[in-house]
Amino acid sequence: MNSSHTIFPALRKLFPIIFLALALAGGPAHAESIKDDAKKTGHAVGEAVHEVGHEAKKVGKEVEEGAKKVGHTVSSTAKEGVEAVKEGGKEMKRAVKGEK
């Protein structure tokens, strides 16, 4: 997959932030205000990207913890199942031999 396919959706989400930053900055009257507006917009976009990355990291950690819990549960349940099958086999063997 081309990396631009993964970048463009993220940029699309940032466009409203960019437009909002430009709207809040007002209409530039000369080159200095355009430069300042561009800096402010860049700063706002940078903060937004940082926040998105931070939230994605938090979600990733939550998913990791959930996966660990599920893995432990499945593992312990499987071990219990194996022990039950072993014990059932031993009981069957004893029953066939006539033991108690």
N, C-alpha and C. Protein backbone atom coordinates (compact mmCIF):
# COMPACT_ATOMS: atom_id res chain seq x y z
N MET A 1 0.85 -1.17 0.00
CA MET A 1 0.00 0.00 0.00
C MET A 1 0.89 1.23 0.00
N ASN A 2 0.52 2.19 -0.76
CA ASN A 2 1.25 3.44 -0.83
C ASN A 2 1.06 4.21 0.46
N SER A 3 2.14 4.83 0.97
CA SER A 3 2.04 5.54 2.24
C SER A 3 1.10 6.74 2.16
N SER A 4 0.88 7.28 0.96
CA SER A 4 -0.03 8.42 0.83
C SER A 4 -1.46 8.02 1.16
N HIS A 5 -1.80 6.74 0.97
CA HIS A 5 -3.16 6.28 1.30
C HIS A 5 -3.41 6.35 2.81
N THR A 6 -2.37 6.17 3.59
CA THR A 6 -2.55 6.23 5.04
C THR A 6 -2.41 7.65 5.56
N ILE A 7 -1.72 8.50 4.84
CA ILE A 7 -1.52 9.88 5.29
C ILE A 7 -2.75 10.73 4.99
N PHE A 8 -3.33 10.60 3.81
CA PHE A 8 -4.43 11.46 3.41
C PHE A 8 -5.63 11.41 4.35
N PRO A 9 -6.06 10.25 4.83
CA PRO A 9 -7.19 10.27 5.78
C PRO A 9 -6.87 11.06 7.04
N ALA A 10 -5.64 10.95 7.51
CA ALA A 10 -5.25 11.71 8.70
C ALA A 10 -5.26 13.20 8.41
N LEU A 11 -4.79 13.58 7.23
CA LEU A 11 -4.79 15.00 6.87
C LEU A 11 -6.21 15.52 6.72
N ARG A 12 -7.09 14.69 6.18
CA ARG A 12 -8.49 15.12 6.04
C ARG A 12 -9.11 15.45 7.38
N LYS A 13 -8.71 14.72 8.40
CA LYS A 13 -9.23 14.99 9.73
C LYS A 13 -8.67 16.30 10.30
N LEU A 14 -7.50 16.71 9.81
CA LEU A 14 -6.89 17.94 10.32
C LEU A 14 -7.37 19.19 9.60
N PHE A 15 -7.98 19.06 8.44
CA PHE A 15 -8.42 20.23 7.68
C PHE A 15 -9.35 21.14 8.48
N PRO A 16 -10.34 20.61 9.21
CA PRO A 16 -11.19 21.52 9.99
C PRO A 16 -10.39 22.34 11.01
N ILE A 17 -9.37 21.73 11.59
CA ILE A 17 -8.54 22.44 12.57
C ILE A 17 -7.77 23.55 11.88
N ILE A 18 -7.25 23.25 10.69
CA ILE A 18 -6.50 24.26 9.93
C ILE A 18 -7.40 25.42 9.57
N PHE A 19 -8.59 25.13 9.07
CA PHE A 19 -9.51 26.20 8.68
C PHE A 19 -9.97 27.01 9.88
N LEU A 20 -10.18 26.33 11.00
CA LEU A 20 -10.57 27.04 12.21
C LEU A 20 -9.44 27.97 12.67
N ALA A 21 -8.22 27.49 12.61
CA ALA A 21 -7.08 28.32 13.01
C ALA A 21 -6.96 29.53 12.10
N LEU A 22 -7.17 29.34 10.81
CA LEU A 22 -7.11 30.47 9.88
C LEU A 22 -8.25 31.45 10.13
N ALA A 23 -9.42 30.93 10.43
CA ALA A 23 -10.57 31.81 10.67
C ALA A 23 -10.35 32.63 11.94
N LEU A 24 -9.80 31.98 12.96
CA LEU A 24 -9.54 32.69 14.21
C LEU A 24 -8.44 33.74 14.05
N ALA A 25 -7.51 33.46 13.16
CA ALA A 25 -6.41 34.40 12.94
C ALA A 25 -6.90 35.64 12.20
N GLY A 26 -8.01 35.55 11.51
CA GLY A 26 -8.54 36.70 10.78
C GLY A 26 -7.90 36.80 9.41
N GLY A 27 -8.43 37.71 8.60
CA GLY A 27 -7.89 37.91 7.25
C GLY A 27 -6.58 38.67 7.30
N PRO A 28 -5.51 38.11 6.75
CA PRO A 28 -4.22 38.77 6.78
C PRO A 28 -4.21 40.00 5.86
N ALA A 29 -3.60 41.09 6.35
CA ALA A 29 -3.56 42.33 5.58
C ALA A 29 -2.24 42.49 4.84
N HIS A 30 -1.19 41.88 5.33
CA HIS A 30 0.11 42.01 4.66
C HIS A 30 0.95 40.76 4.89
N ALA A 31 2.17 40.76 4.37
CA ALA A 31 3.01 39.56 4.38
C ALA A 31 3.34 39.09 5.79
N GLU A 32 3.59 40.02 6.71
CA GLU A 32 3.93 39.63 8.08
C GLU A 32 2.77 38.90 8.76
N SER A 33 1.55 39.38 8.55
CA SER A 33 0.42 38.72 9.18
C SER A 33 0.18 37.34 8.55
N ILE A 34 0.46 37.21 7.26
CA ILE A 34 0.35 35.89 6.61
C ILE A 34 1.36 34.94 7.23
N LYS A 35 2.58 35.43 7.45
CA LYS A 35 3.63 34.61 8.04
C LYS A 35 3.24 34.21 9.48
N ASP A 36 2.73 35.16 10.24
CA ASP A 36 2.29 34.87 11.60
C ASP A 36 1.13 33.89 11.62
N ASP A 37 0.19 34.09 10.70
CA ASP A 37 -0.95 33.18 10.61
C ASP A 37 -0.50 31.76 10.27
N ALA A 38 0.46 31.67 9.36
CA ALA A 38 0.98 30.35 8.98
C ALA A 38 1.66 29.68 10.18
N LYS A 39 2.39 30.47 10.97
CA LYS A 39 3.03 29.91 12.16
C LYS A 39 1.99 29.42 13.17
N LYS A 40 0.97 30.25 13.38
CA LYS A 40 -0.09 29.87 14.32
C LYS A 40 -0.82 28.62 13.85
N THR A 41 -1.09 28.57 12.56
CA THR A 41 -1.77 27.40 11.99
C THR A 41 -0.90 26.16 12.12
N GLY A 42 0.38 26.32 11.80
CA GLY A 42 1.31 25.20 11.93
C GLY A 42 1.40 24.70 13.36
N HIS A 43 1.42 25.65 14.29
CA HIS A 43 1.47 25.29 15.70
C HIS A 43 0.19 24.54 16.11
N ALA A 44 -0.96 25.04 15.68
CA ALA A 44 -2.24 24.39 16.01
C ALA A 44 -2.30 22.98 15.42
N VAL A 45 -1.84 22.84 14.19
CA VAL A 45 -1.85 21.52 13.55
C VAL A 45 -0.88 20.59 14.28
N GLY A 46 0.29 21.11 14.63
CA GLY A 46 1.26 20.30 15.37
C GLY A 46 0.70 19.80 16.69
N GLU A 47 0.02 20.69 17.41
CA GLU A 47 -0.60 20.29 18.68
C GLU A 47 -1.67 19.23 18.45
N ALA A 48 -2.46 19.41 17.40
CA ALA A 48 -3.52 18.44 17.10
C ALA A 48 -2.94 17.07 16.76
N VAL A 49 -1.89 17.06 15.95
CA VAL A 49 -1.24 15.80 15.58
C VAL A 49 -0.65 15.13 16.81
N HIS A 50 -0.03 15.94 17.67
CA HIS A 50 0.55 15.39 18.91
C HIS A 50 -0.54 14.76 19.77
N GLU A 51 -1.66 15.45 19.89
CA GLU A 51 -2.77 14.94 20.71
C GLU A 51 -3.32 13.64 20.13
N VAL A 52 -3.46 13.59 18.81
CA VAL A 52 -3.96 12.36 18.16
C VAL A 52 -2.99 11.22 18.43
N GLY A 53 -1.70 11.49 18.32
CA GLY A 53 -0.70 10.45 18.59
C GLY A 53 -0.74 9.98 20.04
N HIS A 54 -0.91 10.93 20.94
CA HIS A 54 -0.98 10.60 22.36
C HIS A 54 -2.19 9.73 22.66
N GLU A 55 -3.33 10.10 22.10
CA GLU A 55 -4.55 9.31 22.31
C GLU A 55 -4.42 7.92 21.69
N ALA A 56 -3.80 7.84 20.53
CA ALA A 56 -3.61 6.53 19.88
C ALA A 56 -2.72 5.64 20.74
N LYS A 57 -1.72 6.23 21.36
CA LYS A 57 -0.84 5.46 22.24
C LYS A 57 -1.62 4.93 23.45
N LYS A 58 -2.48 5.77 24.03
CA LYS A 58 -3.29 5.34 25.17
C LYS A 58 -4.22 4.20 24.78
N VAL A 59 -4.85 4.32 23.61
CA VAL A 59 -5.75 3.27 23.14
C VAL A 59 -4.96 1.98 22.92
N GLY A 60 -3.78 2.11 22.33
CA GLY A 60 -2.94 0.94 22.10
C GLY A 60 -2.58 0.22 23.39
N LYS A 61 -2.28 0.99 24.42
CA LYS A 61 -1.95 0.38 25.72
C LYS A 61 -3.16 -0.32 26.32
N GLU A 62 -4.34 0.30 26.18
CA GLU A 62 -5.56 -0.33 26.69
C GLU A 62 -5.84 -1.64 25.96
N VAL A 63 -5.65 -1.64 24.65
CA VAL A 63 -5.86 -2.87 23.87
C VAL A 63 -4.86 -3.93 24.31
N GLU A 64 -3.62 -3.52 24.53
CA GLU A 64 -2.59 -4.47 24.96
C GLU A 64 -2.97 -5.11 26.30
N GLU A 65 -3.40 -4.28 27.26
CA GLU A 65 -3.78 -4.81 28.57
C GLU A 65 -4.96 -5.76 28.45
N GLY A 66 -5.94 -5.40 27.63
CA GLY A 66 -7.10 -6.27 27.43
C GLY A 66 -6.70 -7.59 26.81
N ALA A 67 -5.81 -7.53 25.84
CA ALA A 67 -5.35 -8.75 25.17
C ALA A 67 -4.59 -9.65 26.15
N LYS A 68 -3.81 -9.04 27.04
CA LYS A 68 -3.08 -9.83 28.04
C LYS A 68 -4.07 -10.55 28.96
N LYS A 69 -5.10 -9.83 29.42
CA LYS A 69 -6.08 -10.43 30.31
C LYS A 69 -6.80 -11.59 29.63
N VAL A 70 -7.19 -11.38 28.39
CA VAL A 70 -7.87 -12.44 27.64
C VAL A 70 -6.94 -13.63 27.45
N GLY A 71 -5.68 -13.35 27.12
CA GLY A 71 -4.71 -14.42 26.94
C GLY A 71 -4.52 -15.25 28.20
N HIS A 72 -4.42 -14.57 29.34
CA HIS A 72 -4.27 -15.29 30.61
C HIS A 72 -5.51 -16.12 30.92
N THR A 73 -6.68 -15.57 30.67
CA THR A 73 -7.92 -16.29 30.93
C THR A 73 -8.03 -17.53 30.05
N VAL A 74 -7.74 -17.36 28.77
CA VAL A 74 -7.81 -18.49 27.84
C VAL A 74 -6.79 -19.55 28.23
N SER A 75 -5.60 -19.13 28.59
CA SER A 75 -4.54 -20.08 28.96
C SER A 75 -4.92 -20.87 30.20
N SER A 76 -5.40 -20.17 31.23
CA SER A 76 -5.75 -20.89 32.46
C SER A 76 -6.95 -21.80 32.24
N THR A 77 -7.90 -21.36 31.43
CA THR A 77 -9.06 -22.20 31.14
C THR A 77 -8.64 -23.44 30.35
N ALA A 78 -7.73 -23.26 29.41
CA ALA A 78 -7.24 -24.40 28.63
C ALA A 78 -6.51 -25.39 29.53
N LYS A 79 -5.70 -24.87 30.46
CA LYS A 79 -4.99 -25.76 31.39
C LYS A 79 -5.98 -26.55 32.24
N GLU A 80 -7.03 -25.88 32.72
CA GLU A 80 -8.05 -26.56 33.51
C GLU A 80 -8.74 -27.64 32.68
N GLY A 81 -8.99 -27.32 31.40
CA GLY A 81 -9.63 -28.29 30.52
C GLY A 81 -8.76 -29.52 30.30
N VAL A 82 -7.47 -29.30 30.14
CA VAL A 82 -6.53 -30.41 29.94
C VAL A 82 -6.50 -31.28 31.19
N GLU A 83 -6.46 -30.65 32.36
CA GLU A 83 -6.45 -31.41 33.62
C GLU A 83 -7.74 -32.22 33.78
N ALA A 84 -8.86 -31.63 33.40
CA ALA A 84 -10.14 -32.34 33.50
C ALA A 84 -10.16 -33.54 32.57
N VAL A 85 -9.62 -33.38 31.37
CA VAL A 85 -9.58 -34.50 30.42
C VAL A 85 -8.67 -35.60 30.95
N LYS A 86 -7.51 -35.22 31.51
CA LYS A 86 -6.60 -36.23 32.07
C LYS A 86 -7.29 -37.00 33.20
N GLU A 87 -7.93 -36.25 34.09
CA GLU A 87 -8.60 -36.88 35.23
C GLU A 87 -9.74 -37.78 34.74
N GLY A 88 -10.47 -37.31 33.73
CA GLY A 88 -11.55 -38.13 33.16
C GLY A 88 -11.01 -39.43 32.58
N GLY A 89 -9.86 -39.34 31.92
CA GLY A 89 -9.23 -40.55 31.37
C GLY A 89 -8.83 -41.52 32.46
N LYS A 90 -8.27 -40.98 33.55
CA LYS A 90 -7.88 -41.84 34.67
C LYS A 90 -9.09 -42.51 35.30
N GLU A 91 -10.19 -41.76 35.45
CA GLU A 91 -11.42 -42.33 36.02
C GLU A 91 -11.97 -43.42 35.12
N MET A 92 -11.90 -43.20 33.82
CA MET A 92 -12.39 -44.21 32.87
C MET A 92 -11.55 -45.47 32.98
N LYS A 93 -10.25 -45.30 33.09
CA LYS A 93 -9.34 -46.45 33.20
C LYS A 93 -9.65 -47.24 34.48
N ARG A 94 -9.86 -46.49 35.58
CA ARG A 94 -10.19 -47.15 36.86
C ARG A 94 -11.52 -47.89 36.76
N ALA A 95 -12.49 -47.29 36.09
CA ALA A 95 -13.81 -47.92 35.95
C ALA A 95 -13.72 -49.20 35.13
N VAL A 96 -12.88 -49.17 34.09
CA VAL A 96 -12.72 -50.37 33.26
C VAL A 96 -12.05 -51.47 34.06
N LYS A 97 -11.10 -51.12 34.91
CA LYS A 97 -10.38 -52.11 35.72
C LYS A 97 -11.23 -52.55 36.91
N GLY A 98 -12.28 -51.80 37.22
CA GLY A 98 -13.13 -52.16 38.35
C GLY A 98 -12.67 -51.54 39.64
N GLU A 99 -11.77 -50.55 39.59
CA GLU A 99 -11.29 -49.88 40.79
C GLU A 99 -12.20 -48.72 41.13
N LYS A 100 -12.01 -48.19 42.34
CA LYS A 100 -12.77 -47.02 42.75
C LYS A 100 -11.86 -45.87 43.01
